[in-house]
Amino acid sequence: MAEESVILISDEEEDATANESVLIVEVRDEQRPSTSAATSEVVDEDLSITFSKKAIVMPHARYDCSTNPFSPSEKDTSTPVGNNTAFCEQCFCYVCDKLASECVVWKKPGSCHCNAHKQSAFWKAERDKAILGYLHIFNFEVMEVDTDLRLAEKHLRSFEERLQVEYDIFLKGNQTCLTDIVPCNCYCHTAHPDTSGCKKCKLCHAFVAFYNYSKVYECVSEFLDKAQKETPRTAAVMLLGAAKLFSVHAQPYGYSSQYYTNPNSYVSDAVPMLLMRVADTLRTMIITSDFSTSFSKKLQEFFSSLLISTKCKWLTNSLDVRAWDDPLLVSVLKGQNVKGERHHRGKREVLHEPVVVVEARVQKLKEENKFRELSRYLRAVRSDNKVQLRSMKDHVPFYLCKAGDYFGAMNCFFASSSQTCCVACRLSPAHFVMYMKTLVTGRMPAGSDPILSTQWEAAKDSNLPKKSDVIKCALRIMNWNITVFMDPDCWVTLVEVACSDVMTHDGSLVLKSFQLPDTSFLLWSRTSAAAILHEGTKSAEKQIQIPKTFLLQYPRQALLLLVTQALIDRITYRRMMTFLSVVMAFKENAWALRWLYNGLGPETLHVFMSVLLDDLYSERNTHFTRKFELSDEQYIGDFLCYHIQDPRPMTYGTKRYVFDVLHKNWHERDYLWQYYLRMILQQCSHELEPETHRFLDAIKRRNY
């Protein structure tokens, strides 16, 4: 009977006694039981063989072959060692992971895969390289490779072929005659126009190579665009792989700089631009994507190892950005460090980051709705691009409102540094309107653009500031910002804020009607409000202080009159483009509009009425877009009647002008407010002055 063996598969990859993945147990003849005897044999205390048959050899690595002994070596690729070239039918190449008979470099000098085994660090690295393919240049572990990285490898292989074709065409150049660039002025062409040139100008007619890198630049840019549409892990590897390929490109010696005007035509200009794009995109990905720490570190190490020109050396460490768990950054986000500085091991450390990184962190924190942390970060971070950083810091009040910190937002308007002025100085009228509505109602515009949004939603629950604090903040902003001070919409909003604390979903304020104060309070409040505003403009900080006595009797009415007095100062300062929207803002509190009217001087009153009539008769009023309702028509007619019945001598000249304009443009069918004006004048005709009577008779005849 032929000799039989039993194969025992070891459970442990690393065996303490042998380096093999199979164990051969030989059955000796003297120990073989007879067929009639019991078939059980005790090998040791824990193992008993009850049955045996001839072994079937399973697929195995060459170094585990039981038929052909293996001679291990650490790093020998020049020639086969011992009998390592021999193999059985089930032997596999450790590096290629396929049958040894199919390995094309099994015994080829310089490779010699027959010598490969798992105990060698060199051969293990070669196996990983074969498994990783193109990805081995990134030093990824085999366990890190997933479908995203395999897709990146596929794209990179295809891109490498296309890029090489374009680069080869670029290196060949474009053969062009120099006379096509610079005409030859030699006298020989004047005497003999058909000649190709004499000996003196022969060099001017030579053909030279011009090199245009723009096609290569377009090829790379197209690939970068494609990469940015992939998942973050795929895109990151594609960007780095592309950078490794084009960063070694060089400009051949020849003509270029005087022939092509596009900077993409020169390697020295195009490659730095492409590298900057790759670096900026990768920095953004490291911040915004959920990369593991090891993956991000490998991206950074790979980029810093690129062989780039001296002109681009400053980009070498551009991917070395702070991780989210950086101690200084964490302390800033938690509010434990407001300056963005710390002393670590005797050195001063400052939170200074490129503006691209700042933008990425802002976007990430916004997506996570961490507006309080975002505000802390922007107030502490520094960057070389101060203009762009300042633009982002101007949104800190908005983020504080999102977080429900309305008092912090109002204080942030006036926070300044040694390098920049306060945010209030740079507010646009649209932002001022948005902030005022938010501070008084606790609602904020929805969507990514707060200015263009038409839907408003409730902000984070928090205590709203007092109406008096909001108005003081608004008046102080107007003292700092001349653009806001001059804009009519800002004054309309401020009047509405004084009359409302409720907003509809489309952002319109719901105006409230206040009780008419007594005459003595109206007279006293004019002097007091003017004094309060005057003191505010005189102070260095332009801060408004409202005494408690001013708000004691009629608190809401007093605030409205304070705003109205500030509006009088604005109207007196310079002519406004429109007054109709301002007048309509007082609709629910017409007594305040009369208070404003009585506070205007003769010249200012004439301008006020002149502009108001222009607004009313404009066929397309660009400053007042809301459609007139019936109550609006009545309100306008009532106010014009109040002006016409004004007995003060200072108004006579203005009233004559108003009579002339009204009589000239009287069309009750087109302007319903004219009808209400006529009806009111008719009801009190016994009280009208002679000139007003003549006007009433004239419009009656005009009407009929």
Foldseek 3Di string as FASTA:
>chain_A
DDWAWDWDADPDCPDPVDNARIDIDTDDPVNQDDPVDQQWDDPDPVDIDRDGDHDDDAADALCRDPVDHADADADAQAFHDDRLLDDDQRHAQQQQRGRLVPDPVCGPGPHNSSNADDVHPVSVLSSQCNQLPPCVLLVDGPVPDDPLQVVLVVLLVVLLVVLVVLLVVQVVADWDFQCVVPNDPDCVCVVPVPDQDDPVCPNNGGIWGEGFQLVSLVSLVVQLVVLVVGPLVSSLSNLLSSLLRLQPDADDDTDYPSPDDDLSRHSVRSSLVSLVVSLLVLLLCQLQPPDDPVSLVSSLVSQLPRDHDPVNNVCNRSNPDDDCPDVLLVCQLVVNDQQQWDADPNRIDHQEHAVSNLVSNLVNCVVVLSLSSNLSCLRHYHYPPVVVSVVVNLCNLVSCLLVVNNVVSLVQQQDDDPVGGGSLQVDALLNLLQNLLCLLAQWFFDDDDRSPGQFIGHGPDDDRDDLVSSLQSLLLSVLNYVNNLQAPVNLLSSLQSLQFRDADGRGDTDGHADDDDDPVLLVVLLVVLVVQQVVLNPDPSSGGDDDPVLCPPPNSVSSSLSSLSSVLVSLVVDPHQACLSVCVSCLSPVVSVVSSLVPHALVSNLSNVVRHLCQQPDPDRPVDDDDDDPSNLLSVLVVVLVLQQDPDPSSVVSNVVVLVSCLVPPDCVVRVSSVNNLVVCVVPVVSHDPVVVVSSVSSVVVHD
